[in-house]
N, C-alpha and C. Protein backbone atom coordinates (compact mmCIF):
# COMPACT_ATOMS: atom_id res chain seq x y z
N MET A 1 7.21 6.28 18.37
CA MET A 1 6.50 5.49 17.40
C MET A 1 5.81 6.39 16.37
N ILE A 2 6.01 6.07 15.14
CA ILE A 2 5.38 6.82 14.06
C ILE A 2 4.03 6.18 13.76
N THR A 3 3.00 7.00 13.64
CA THR A 3 1.66 6.47 13.35
C THR A 3 1.36 6.58 11.86
N VAL A 4 0.35 5.86 11.45
CA VAL A 4 -0.11 5.92 10.06
C VAL A 4 -0.54 7.35 9.73
N ARG A 5 -1.18 8.03 10.68
CA ARG A 5 -1.59 9.42 10.46
C ARG A 5 -0.39 10.30 10.12
N GLU A 6 0.70 10.16 10.91
CA GLU A 6 1.90 10.95 10.67
C GLU A 6 2.49 10.65 9.29
N LEU A 7 2.50 9.39 8.92
CA LEU A 7 3.03 9.01 7.61
C LEU A 7 2.19 9.63 6.49
N LEU A 8 0.87 9.52 6.60
CA LEU A 8 0.00 10.08 5.56
C LEU A 8 0.11 11.60 5.50
N ASP A 9 0.32 12.24 6.65
CA ASP A 9 0.51 13.69 6.65
C ASP A 9 1.74 14.08 5.85
N ARG A 10 2.78 13.25 5.91
CA ARG A 10 4.02 13.51 5.17
C ARG A 10 3.92 13.14 3.70
N LYS A 11 3.39 11.98 3.41
CA LYS A 11 3.40 11.48 2.04
C LYS A 11 2.15 11.87 1.25
N GLY A 12 1.10 12.22 1.95
CA GLY A 12 -0.14 12.55 1.28
C GLY A 12 -1.06 11.34 1.22
N GLY A 13 -2.30 11.58 0.93
CA GLY A 13 -3.29 10.52 0.96
C GLY A 13 -3.80 10.09 -0.40
N VAL A 14 -3.01 10.33 -1.44
CA VAL A 14 -3.46 9.93 -2.78
C VAL A 14 -3.54 8.41 -2.85
N VAL A 15 -4.69 7.92 -3.28
CA VAL A 15 -4.88 6.48 -3.46
C VAL A 15 -5.41 6.26 -4.87
N TRP A 16 -4.69 5.49 -5.62
CA TRP A 16 -5.12 5.17 -6.98
C TRP A 16 -6.04 3.97 -6.91
N THR A 17 -7.19 4.07 -7.57
CA THR A 17 -8.19 3.01 -7.52
C THR A 17 -8.59 2.60 -8.93
N ILE A 18 -9.27 1.47 -8.99
CA ILE A 18 -9.77 0.96 -10.26
C ILE A 18 -11.06 0.20 -9.99
N ALA A 19 -11.92 0.12 -10.98
CA ALA A 19 -13.18 -0.60 -10.85
C ALA A 19 -12.94 -2.10 -11.05
N PRO A 20 -13.72 -2.94 -10.41
CA PRO A 20 -13.54 -4.38 -10.57
C PRO A 20 -13.77 -4.87 -12.00
N SER A 21 -14.56 -4.13 -12.76
CA SER A 21 -14.84 -4.52 -14.14
C SER A 21 -13.74 -4.12 -15.12
N ALA A 22 -12.81 -3.28 -14.69
CA ALA A 22 -11.72 -2.83 -15.56
C ALA A 22 -10.80 -4.01 -15.89
N SER A 23 -10.11 -3.90 -17.01
CA SER A 23 -9.20 -4.98 -17.40
C SER A 23 -7.92 -4.93 -16.57
N VAL A 24 -7.31 -6.07 -16.42
CA VAL A 24 -6.03 -6.15 -15.74
C VAL A 24 -4.99 -5.32 -16.49
N PHE A 25 -5.09 -5.28 -17.81
CA PHE A 25 -4.18 -4.47 -18.62
C PHE A 25 -4.24 -3.01 -18.16
N ASP A 26 -5.46 -2.49 -17.98
CA ASP A 26 -5.62 -1.11 -17.52
C ASP A 26 -5.02 -0.91 -16.13
N ALA A 27 -5.19 -1.89 -15.27
CA ALA A 27 -4.63 -1.81 -13.91
C ALA A 27 -3.11 -1.76 -13.96
N ILE A 28 -2.50 -2.64 -14.73
CA ILE A 28 -1.04 -2.68 -14.84
C ILE A 28 -0.51 -1.39 -15.46
N LYS A 29 -1.25 -0.86 -16.43
CA LYS A 29 -0.86 0.40 -17.07
C LYS A 29 -0.85 1.54 -16.05
N ILE A 30 -1.87 1.63 -15.21
CA ILE A 30 -1.93 2.67 -14.18
C ILE A 30 -0.77 2.49 -13.20
N MET A 31 -0.54 1.25 -12.77
CA MET A 31 0.55 1.01 -11.82
C MET A 31 1.89 1.44 -12.41
N ALA A 32 2.12 1.14 -13.68
CA ALA A 32 3.38 1.53 -14.33
C ALA A 32 3.49 3.05 -14.43
N GLU A 33 2.41 3.72 -14.84
CA GLU A 33 2.42 5.17 -14.99
C GLU A 33 2.65 5.89 -13.65
N LYS A 34 2.08 5.35 -12.58
CA LYS A 34 2.15 6.00 -11.27
C LYS A 34 3.33 5.51 -10.43
N GLY A 35 4.01 4.48 -10.90
CA GLY A 35 5.15 3.94 -10.16
C GLY A 35 4.73 3.29 -8.84
N ILE A 36 3.61 2.58 -8.87
CA ILE A 36 3.09 1.94 -7.67
C ILE A 36 2.95 0.44 -7.90
N GLY A 37 2.80 -0.31 -6.82
CA GLY A 37 2.73 -1.76 -6.93
C GLY A 37 1.36 -2.36 -6.70
N ALA A 38 0.36 -1.51 -6.40
CA ALA A 38 -0.98 -2.04 -6.14
C ALA A 38 -2.02 -0.94 -6.35
N LEU A 39 -3.23 -1.38 -6.65
CA LEU A 39 -4.38 -0.49 -6.78
C LEU A 39 -5.49 -1.00 -5.88
N VAL A 40 -6.18 -0.10 -5.23
CA VAL A 40 -7.37 -0.46 -4.48
C VAL A 40 -8.50 -0.61 -5.49
N VAL A 41 -9.26 -1.67 -5.34
CA VAL A 41 -10.40 -1.90 -6.23
C VAL A 41 -11.66 -1.43 -5.52
N LYS A 42 -12.34 -0.48 -6.15
CA LYS A 42 -13.54 0.10 -5.55
C LYS A 42 -14.71 -0.02 -6.52
N GLU A 43 -15.86 -0.31 -5.95
CA GLU A 43 -17.11 -0.29 -6.70
C GLU A 43 -17.93 0.83 -6.08
N GLY A 44 -18.01 1.95 -6.80
CA GLY A 44 -18.59 3.15 -6.21
C GLY A 44 -17.68 3.62 -5.09
N ALA A 45 -18.24 3.80 -3.90
CA ALA A 45 -17.44 4.23 -2.76
C ALA A 45 -16.93 3.05 -1.93
N GLU A 46 -17.34 1.84 -2.30
CA GLU A 46 -17.01 0.65 -1.49
C GLU A 46 -15.71 -0.01 -1.93
N LEU A 47 -14.84 -0.24 -0.95
CA LEU A 47 -13.60 -0.98 -1.18
C LEU A 47 -13.98 -2.46 -1.31
N VAL A 48 -13.69 -3.06 -2.48
CA VAL A 48 -14.07 -4.45 -2.70
C VAL A 48 -12.87 -5.37 -2.90
N GLY A 49 -11.68 -4.78 -3.00
CA GLY A 49 -10.50 -5.62 -3.18
C GLY A 49 -9.24 -4.79 -3.39
N ILE A 50 -8.17 -5.51 -3.66
CA ILE A 50 -6.90 -4.89 -4.00
C ILE A 50 -6.24 -5.76 -5.06
N ILE A 51 -5.56 -5.13 -5.99
CA ILE A 51 -4.87 -5.86 -7.05
C ILE A 51 -3.43 -5.38 -7.07
N SER A 52 -2.51 -6.33 -7.11
CA SER A 52 -1.09 -5.99 -7.06
C SER A 52 -0.34 -6.61 -8.24
N GLU A 53 0.89 -6.17 -8.39
CA GLU A 53 1.74 -6.76 -9.43
C GLU A 53 1.92 -8.25 -9.17
N ARG A 54 1.95 -8.64 -7.92
CA ARG A 54 2.06 -10.06 -7.56
C ARG A 54 0.84 -10.83 -8.06
N ASP A 55 -0.37 -10.26 -7.90
CA ASP A 55 -1.58 -10.90 -8.42
C ASP A 55 -1.47 -11.10 -9.92
N TYR A 56 -0.98 -10.06 -10.60
CA TYR A 56 -0.81 -10.14 -12.05
C TYR A 56 0.15 -11.27 -12.44
N ALA A 57 1.29 -11.32 -11.78
CA ALA A 57 2.30 -12.33 -12.12
C ALA A 57 1.77 -13.74 -11.87
N ARG A 58 1.10 -13.94 -10.77
CA ARG A 58 0.67 -15.28 -10.39
C ARG A 58 -0.64 -15.72 -11.02
N LYS A 59 -1.55 -14.79 -11.26
CA LYS A 59 -2.89 -15.17 -11.71
C LYS A 59 -3.16 -14.87 -13.18
N VAL A 60 -2.27 -14.13 -13.81
CA VAL A 60 -2.43 -13.86 -15.24
C VAL A 60 -1.28 -14.49 -16.01
N VAL A 61 -0.08 -14.03 -15.74
CA VAL A 61 1.10 -14.50 -16.48
C VAL A 61 1.28 -16.01 -16.34
N LEU A 62 1.34 -16.49 -15.11
CA LEU A 62 1.60 -17.92 -14.89
C LEU A 62 0.47 -18.82 -15.35
N GLU A 63 -0.74 -18.29 -15.41
CA GLU A 63 -1.88 -19.08 -15.86
C GLU A 63 -2.18 -18.90 -17.35
N GLY A 64 -1.35 -18.11 -18.03
CA GLY A 64 -1.51 -17.94 -19.47
C GLY A 64 -2.74 -17.16 -19.88
N ARG A 65 -3.24 -16.32 -18.99
CA ARG A 65 -4.41 -15.50 -19.32
C ARG A 65 -3.97 -14.26 -20.10
N SER A 66 -4.94 -13.60 -20.70
CA SER A 66 -4.70 -12.34 -21.39
C SER A 66 -5.06 -11.19 -20.45
N SER A 67 -4.13 -10.26 -20.27
CA SER A 67 -4.41 -9.13 -19.37
C SER A 67 -5.50 -8.22 -19.92
N ARG A 68 -5.68 -8.23 -21.23
CA ARG A 68 -6.73 -7.39 -21.83
C ARG A 68 -8.12 -8.03 -21.67
N ASP A 69 -8.16 -9.35 -21.56
CA ASP A 69 -9.45 -10.06 -21.47
C ASP A 69 -9.81 -10.50 -20.05
N THR A 70 -8.95 -10.21 -19.10
CA THR A 70 -9.19 -10.60 -17.71
C THR A 70 -9.55 -9.34 -16.92
N SER A 71 -10.61 -9.43 -16.13
CA SER A 71 -11.01 -8.27 -15.34
C SER A 71 -10.29 -8.28 -13.99
N CYS A 72 -10.21 -7.13 -13.40
CA CYS A 72 -9.61 -7.01 -12.07
C CYS A 72 -10.34 -7.89 -11.07
N ARG A 73 -11.66 -7.98 -11.21
CA ARG A 73 -12.48 -8.81 -10.32
C ARG A 73 -11.99 -10.26 -10.30
N ASP A 74 -11.50 -10.74 -11.45
CA ASP A 74 -11.09 -12.14 -11.57
C ASP A 74 -9.81 -12.46 -10.81
N ILE A 75 -8.97 -11.47 -10.55
CA ILE A 75 -7.68 -11.78 -9.90
C ILE A 75 -7.42 -11.00 -8.62
N MET A 76 -8.31 -10.07 -8.28
CA MET A 76 -8.07 -9.24 -7.10
C MET A 76 -8.17 -10.07 -5.82
N THR A 77 -7.53 -9.57 -4.78
CA THR A 77 -7.66 -10.13 -3.45
C THR A 77 -8.88 -9.47 -2.81
N GLU A 78 -9.86 -10.28 -2.44
CA GLU A 78 -11.11 -9.72 -1.90
C GLU A 78 -11.05 -9.44 -0.41
N LYS A 79 -10.35 -10.26 0.34
CA LYS A 79 -10.24 -10.06 1.79
C LYS A 79 -9.06 -9.13 2.05
N VAL A 80 -9.35 -7.84 2.11
CA VAL A 80 -8.31 -6.82 2.22
C VAL A 80 -8.08 -6.47 3.69
N CYS A 81 -6.82 -6.54 4.10
CA CYS A 81 -6.44 -6.07 5.43
C CYS A 81 -6.35 -4.55 5.36
N VAL A 82 -6.98 -3.88 6.28
CA VAL A 82 -6.94 -2.42 6.34
C VAL A 82 -6.46 -2.00 7.72
N VAL A 83 -6.03 -0.75 7.82
CA VAL A 83 -5.60 -0.19 9.10
C VAL A 83 -6.24 1.17 9.32
N SER A 84 -6.24 1.58 10.58
CA SER A 84 -6.72 2.91 10.93
C SER A 84 -5.51 3.82 11.13
N THR A 85 -5.77 5.10 11.22
CA THR A 85 -4.69 6.09 11.30
C THR A 85 -3.94 6.06 12.63
N ASP A 86 -4.50 5.44 13.66
CA ASP A 86 -3.82 5.41 14.95
C ASP A 86 -2.85 4.25 15.10
N ARG A 87 -2.79 3.37 14.13
CA ARG A 87 -1.85 2.25 14.18
C ARG A 87 -0.43 2.77 13.95
N THR A 88 0.55 2.12 14.57
CA THR A 88 1.94 2.51 14.36
C THR A 88 2.50 1.80 13.14
N LEU A 89 3.58 2.35 12.60
CA LEU A 89 4.22 1.71 11.45
C LEU A 89 4.80 0.36 11.83
N ASP A 90 5.27 0.24 13.06
CA ASP A 90 5.75 -1.07 13.54
C ASP A 90 4.61 -2.09 13.49
N GLU A 91 3.42 -1.70 13.93
CA GLU A 91 2.27 -2.61 13.89
C GLU A 91 1.92 -2.96 12.45
N CYS A 92 2.01 -1.98 11.55
CA CYS A 92 1.73 -2.24 10.14
C CYS A 92 2.73 -3.24 9.55
N MET A 93 4.00 -3.07 9.90
CA MET A 93 5.01 -3.99 9.38
C MET A 93 4.80 -5.41 9.90
N VAL A 94 4.40 -5.54 11.16
CA VAL A 94 4.10 -6.87 11.71
C VAL A 94 2.93 -7.49 10.95
N LEU A 95 1.88 -6.71 10.74
CA LEU A 95 0.70 -7.20 10.02
C LEU A 95 1.05 -7.62 8.59
N MET A 96 1.83 -6.77 7.90
CA MET A 96 2.22 -7.10 6.52
C MET A 96 3.08 -8.35 6.47
N THR A 97 3.96 -8.50 7.45
CA THR A 97 4.83 -9.68 7.49
C THR A 97 4.01 -10.94 7.77
N GLU A 98 3.11 -10.87 8.75
CA GLU A 98 2.28 -12.02 9.09
C GLU A 98 1.36 -12.43 7.93
N LYS A 99 0.79 -11.47 7.26
CA LYS A 99 -0.16 -11.74 6.18
C LYS A 99 0.52 -11.92 4.81
N ARG A 100 1.84 -11.64 4.78
CA ARG A 100 2.62 -11.75 3.54
C ARG A 100 2.04 -10.83 2.44
N ILE A 101 1.80 -9.58 2.85
CA ILE A 101 1.28 -8.56 1.94
C ILE A 101 2.19 -7.36 1.97
N ARG A 102 2.02 -6.45 1.02
CA ARG A 102 2.89 -5.28 0.92
C ARG A 102 2.16 -3.95 0.98
N HIS A 103 0.83 -3.99 1.01
CA HIS A 103 0.03 -2.75 0.98
C HIS A 103 -1.14 -2.84 1.94
N LEU A 104 -1.38 -1.75 2.67
CA LEU A 104 -2.50 -1.67 3.60
C LEU A 104 -3.31 -0.40 3.33
N PRO A 105 -4.52 -0.55 2.83
CA PRO A 105 -5.39 0.63 2.71
C PRO A 105 -5.69 1.19 4.10
N VAL A 106 -5.82 2.50 4.18
CA VAL A 106 -6.08 3.18 5.45
C VAL A 106 -7.53 3.67 5.44
N ILE A 107 -8.26 3.28 6.48
CA ILE A 107 -9.68 3.63 6.58
C ILE A 107 -9.88 4.54 7.79
N GLU A 108 -10.65 5.61 7.58
CA GLU A 108 -11.03 6.51 8.67
C GLU A 108 -12.50 6.87 8.49
N ASN A 109 -13.29 6.68 9.53
CA ASN A 109 -14.74 6.93 9.45
C ASN A 109 -15.36 6.18 8.26
N GLU A 110 -14.95 4.93 8.10
CA GLU A 110 -15.46 4.05 7.05
C GLU A 110 -15.16 4.56 5.63
N ARG A 111 -14.13 5.41 5.51
CA ARG A 111 -13.75 5.98 4.23
C ARG A 111 -12.29 5.71 3.95
N LEU A 112 -11.96 5.37 2.71
CA LEU A 112 -10.58 5.16 2.29
C LEU A 112 -9.87 6.50 2.21
N ILE A 113 -8.79 6.67 2.98
CA ILE A 113 -8.10 7.96 2.98
C ILE A 113 -6.63 7.87 2.58
N GLY A 114 -6.13 6.66 2.38
CA GLY A 114 -4.73 6.51 2.02
C GLY A 114 -4.34 5.06 1.90
N ILE A 115 -3.07 4.84 1.60
CA ILE A 115 -2.54 3.49 1.54
C ILE A 115 -1.10 3.53 2.04
N VAL A 116 -0.72 2.50 2.78
CA VAL A 116 0.62 2.40 3.33
C VAL A 116 1.27 1.16 2.73
N SER A 117 2.47 1.33 2.20
CA SER A 117 3.21 0.19 1.65
C SER A 117 4.34 -0.18 2.60
N ILE A 118 4.87 -1.37 2.42
CA ILE A 118 6.01 -1.79 3.22
C ILE A 118 7.18 -0.84 2.98
N GLY A 119 7.32 -0.36 1.74
CA GLY A 119 8.38 0.61 1.43
C GLY A 119 8.21 1.92 2.18
N ASP A 120 6.96 2.39 2.30
CA ASP A 120 6.69 3.61 3.07
C ASP A 120 7.13 3.43 4.52
N CYS A 121 6.79 2.28 5.10
CA CYS A 121 7.14 2.01 6.50
C CYS A 121 8.65 1.98 6.69
N ILE A 122 9.33 1.26 5.84
CA ILE A 122 10.79 1.15 5.97
C ILE A 122 11.45 2.51 5.81
N LYS A 123 11.02 3.27 4.81
CA LYS A 123 11.60 4.59 4.57
C LYS A 123 11.41 5.51 5.78
N ALA A 124 10.21 5.52 6.35
CA ALA A 124 9.93 6.39 7.50
C ALA A 124 10.71 5.96 8.73
N ILE A 125 10.80 4.66 8.97
CA ILE A 125 11.52 4.17 10.14
C ILE A 125 13.01 4.44 10.01
N VAL A 126 13.57 4.21 8.83
CA VAL A 126 15.00 4.48 8.61
C VAL A 126 15.28 5.97 8.77
N SER A 127 14.41 6.81 8.25
CA SER A 127 14.58 8.26 8.38
C SER A 127 14.59 8.68 9.85
N LYS A 128 13.68 8.12 10.64
CA LYS A 128 13.64 8.45 12.06
C LYS A 128 14.91 7.98 12.76
N GLN A 129 15.37 6.79 12.42
CA GLN A 129 16.59 6.26 13.04
C GLN A 129 17.81 7.12 12.66
N GLU A 130 17.87 7.57 11.42
CA GLU A 130 18.97 8.44 11.00
C GLU A 130 18.96 9.74 11.78
N PHE A 131 17.77 10.29 12.02
CA PHE A 131 17.64 11.52 12.80
C PHE A 131 18.14 11.30 14.24
N ILE A 132 17.74 10.19 14.83
CA ILE A 132 18.18 9.88 16.20
C ILE A 132 19.69 9.71 16.26
N ILE A 133 20.27 9.05 15.29
CA ILE A 133 21.72 8.86 15.24
C ILE A 133 22.43 10.20 15.12
N GLU A 134 21.92 11.09 14.27
CA GLU A 134 22.51 12.43 14.13
C GLU A 134 22.45 13.18 15.45
N GLN A 135 21.32 13.09 16.15
CA GLN A 135 21.17 13.78 17.43
C GLN A 135 22.15 13.22 18.46
N LEU A 136 22.31 11.91 18.50
CA LEU A 136 23.24 11.29 19.44
C LEU A 136 24.69 11.65 19.13
N GLU A 137 25.02 11.65 17.83
CA GLU A 137 26.38 12.04 17.44
C GLU A 137 26.65 13.49 17.82
N SER A 138 25.69 14.35 17.62
CA SER A 138 25.83 15.75 17.99
C SER A 138 26.02 15.89 19.50
N TYR A 139 25.26 15.14 20.25
CA TYR A 139 25.36 15.16 21.71
C TYR A 139 26.74 14.69 22.16
N ILE A 140 27.22 13.61 21.54
CA ILE A 140 28.53 13.06 21.91
C ILE A 140 29.64 14.05 21.60
N ARG A 141 29.53 14.76 20.47
CA ARG A 141 30.55 15.76 20.09
C ARG A 141 30.43 17.02 20.93
N GLY A 142 29.33 17.14 21.67
CA GLY A 142 29.16 18.32 22.52
C GLY A 142 28.46 19.45 21.79
N GLY A 143 27.74 19.14 20.71
CA GLY A 143 27.07 20.17 19.90
C GLY A 143 25.72 20.55 20.37
């Protein structure tokens, strides 16, 4: 089982954040520049929400709002599911599936240290399975 700690050790713990008072336009611009699908919303050191491309599509575009005039606070998800570093990626995938979310901020000692996406989980699990298959094929060939 791969843990969140192992994943963060491989991918790094960079977490892009934004203030709740920032405009949605600024949030979408950062997401586009960084090639990410969500930003953690922080007020000072406190995690207060998360904003995703899905939030933008459903709460700005579909409601006819202006992304420049709407703040992140207005559309962010306030009840954020978080995980600790000892959780497995399988557990993260179950949680994301049950909650219908794609991103989990990682908290350690009450501090934000990373974020895990559904894509990160799938990539890591597929990579591990490919390694196991290679090892089994090598064993079968007598290598």
